[in-house]
C-alpha atoms as a PDB file:
ATOM      1  CA  MET A   1       0.000   0.000   0.000  1.00  0.00           C
ATOM      2  CA  LEU A   2       1.352   3.443  -0.854  1.00  0.00           C
ATOM      3  CA  PHE A   3       0.288   6.651   0.850  1.00  0.00           C
ATOM      4  CA  VAL A   4       2.067   9.994   0.547  1.00  0.00           C
ATOM      5  CA  LEU A   5       4.888   8.188  -1.275  1.00  0.00           C
ATOM      6  CA  GLN A   6       5.546   5.890   1.681  1.00  0.00           C
ATOM      7  CA  ALA A   7       5.083   2.129   1.551  1.00  0.00           C
ATOM      8  CA  GLN A   8       2.551   0.916   4.099  1.00  0.00           C
ATOM      9  CA  THR A   9       1.254  -2.408   5.350  1.00  0.00           C
ATOM     10  CA  ALA A  10      -1.769  -3.615   7.263  1.00  0.00           C
ATOM     11  CA  ALA A  11       0.090  -6.750   8.426  1.00  0.00           C
ATOM     12  CA  PRO A  12      -0.247  -5.887  12.145  1.00  0.00           C
ATOM     13  CA  PHE A  13      -4.044  -5.983  11.773  1.00  0.00           C
ATOM     14  CA  LEU A  14      -4.354  -9.319   9.948  1.00  0.00           C
ATOM     15  CA  GLU A  15      -4.739 -11.561  12.971  1.00  0.00           C
ATOM     16  CA  ASP A  16      -7.478  -9.375  14.450  1.00  0.00           C
ATOM     17  CA  TRP A  17      -9.257  -9.200  11.116  1.00  0.00           C
ATOM     18  CA  THR A  18      -9.262 -12.975  10.625  1.00  0.00           C
ATOM     19  CA  HIS A  19     -10.526 -13.495  14.187  1.00  0.00           C
ATOM     20  CA  SER A  20     -13.287 -10.992  13.389  1.00  0.00           C
ATOM     21  CA  GLY A  21     -14.357 -12.981  10.331  1.00  0.00           C
ATOM     22  CA  VAL A  22     -12.652 -11.143   7.478  1.00  0.00           C
ATOM     23  CA  GLY A  23     -12.241 -13.750   4.761  1.00  0.00           C
ATOM     24  CA  HIS A  24     -10.819 -11.819   1.824  1.00  0.00           C
ATOM     25  CA  LEU A  25      -7.906  -9.459   1.514  1.00  0.00           C
ATOM     26  CA  ARG A  26      -6.475  -7.386  -1.315  1.00  0.00           C
ATOM     27  CA  VAL A  27      -2.742  -6.739  -1.463  1.00  0.00           C
ATOM     28  CA  GLU A  28      -1.562  -3.927  -3.717  1.00  0.00           C
ATOM     29  CA  LEU A  29       2.059  -3.949  -4.816  1.00  0.00           C
ATOM     30  CA  VAL A  30       3.402  -0.837  -6.508  1.00  0.00           C
ATOM     31  CA  ASP A  31       7.172  -0.939  -6.858  1.00  0.00           C
ATOM     32  CA  GLU A  32       8.309  -4.307  -5.525  1.00  0.00           C
ATOM     33  CA  PRO A  33      10.810  -6.377  -7.512  1.00  0.00           C
ATOM     34  CA  ALA A  34       9.171  -9.223  -9.442  1.00  0.00           C
ATOM     35  CA  GLY A  35      11.219 -11.793  -7.527  1.00  0.00           C
ATOM     36  CA  LEU A  36       9.717 -10.665  -4.216  1.00  0.00           C
ATOM     37  CA  VAL A  37       6.043 -10.660  -5.238  1.00  0.00           C
ATOM     38  CA  GLN A  38       5.493 -14.348  -4.484  1.00  0.00           C
ATOM     39  CA  PRO A  39       7.309 -14.293  -1.102  1.00  0.00           C
ATOM     40  CA  ILE A  40       5.347 -11.186  -0.075  1.00  0.00           C
ATOM     41  CA  LEU A  41       2.013 -12.787  -0.956  1.00  0.00           C
ATOM     42  CA  GLU A  42       3.049 -16.047   0.713  1.00  0.00           C
ATOM     43  CA  GLY A  43       3.904 -14.072   3.854  1.00  0.00           C
ATOM     44  CA  TYR A  44       0.432 -12.568   4.011  1.00  0.00           C
ATOM     45  CA  ARG A  45      -1.095 -15.979   3.315  1.00  0.00           C
ATOM     46  CA  ALA A  46       0.943 -17.559   6.116  1.00  0.00           C
ATOM     47  CA  VAL A  47      -0.352 -14.982   8.599  1.00  0.00           C
ATOM     48  CA  LEU A  48      -3.941 -15.500   7.478  1.00  0.00           C
ATOM     49  CA  LEU A  49      -3.531 -19.276   7.918  1.00  0.00           C
ATOM     50  CA  GLY A  50      -1.881 -18.900  11.318  1.00  0.00           C
ATOM     51  CA  GLU A  51       1.469 -20.289  10.111  1.00  0.00           C
ATOM     52  CA  LYS A  52       3.329 -17.052  10.824  1.00  0.00           C
ATOM     53  CA  THR A  53       2.658 -14.134  13.138  1.00  0.00           C
ATOM     54  CA  ALA A  54       1.933 -10.640  11.897  1.00  0.00           C
ATOM     55  CA  THR A  55       5.002  -9.494  13.834  1.00  0.00           C
ATOM     56  CA  GLU A  56       7.193 -11.905  11.857  1.00  0.00           C
ATOM     57  CA  LEU A  57       5.744 -10.686   8.554  1.00  0.00           C
ATOM     58  CA  TRP A  58       6.074  -7.022   9.555  1.00  0.00           C
ATOM     59  CA  GLY A  59       9.700  -7.596  10.557  1.00  0.00           C
ATOM     60  CA  TRP A  60      10.455  -9.071   7.151  1.00  0.00           C
ATOM     61  CA  LEU A  61       8.459  -6.501   5.142  1.00  0.00           C
ATOM     62  CA  LYS A  62      10.391  -3.615   6.707  1.00  0.00           C
ATOM     63  CA  ASP A  63      13.486  -4.871   4.878  1.00  0.00           C
ATOM     64  CA  VAL A  64      11.897  -5.430   1.452  1.00  0.00           C
ATOM     65  CA  PRO A  65      13.508  -3.155  -1.155  1.00  0.00           C
ATOM     66  CA  ASP A  66      11.691  -1.416  -3.972  1.00  0.00           C
ATOM     67  CA  SER A  67      12.569  -2.134  -7.602  1.00  0.00           C
ATOM     68  CA  ASN A  68      15.498   0.295  -7.358  1.00  0.00           C
ATOM     69  CA  GLY A  69      16.975  -1.558  -4.392  1.00  0.00           C
ATOM     70  CA  THR A  70      15.986   1.100  -1.848  1.00  0.00           C
ATOM     71  CA  ILE A  71      14.677  -0.188   1.478  1.00  0.00           C
ATOM     72  CA  ALA A  72      11.223   1.383   1.745  1.00  0.00           C
ATOM     73  CA  MET A  73      10.829   1.061   5.546  1.00  0.00           C
ATOM     74  CA  GLN A  74       7.106   0.374   5.405  1.00  0.00           C
ATOM     75  CA  SER A  75       4.914   2.060   7.949  1.00  0.00           C
ATOM     76  CA  ILE A  76       1.665   0.750   9.364  1.00  0.00           C
ATOM     77  CA  ALA A  77      -1.304   1.654   7.186  1.00  0.00           C
ATOM     78  CA  ARG A  78      -3.553   4.452   8.324  1.00  0.00           C
ATOM     79  CA  LEU A  79      -7.025   3.006   8.326  1.00  0.00           C
ATOM     80  CA  GLN A  80     -10.152   5.058   8.558  1.00  0.00           C
ATOM     81  CA  VAL A  81     -13.774   4.355   7.909  1.00  0.00           C
ATOM     82  CA  SER A  82     -15.416   6.585   5.348  1.00  0.00           C
ATOM     83  CA  MET A  83     -19.160   6.861   4.985  1.00  0.00           C
END
């Protein structure tokens, strides 16, 4: 997720969401290297299946570089309800 030119993730919320009944998730990738797309998606899947903690995924995502090799230092997504 990208907001104000900063990579963001909702990984810390995944466990709560699945316990609350959320069954579908959309992951948007903007500037990740092609070779990291599958591991990123597998990381989210592992959290949703309870095979990995959100903290483990977040720790790994913080070190994922963009396609230029720059470490993006993802922040936690800002979530707000709009009506």
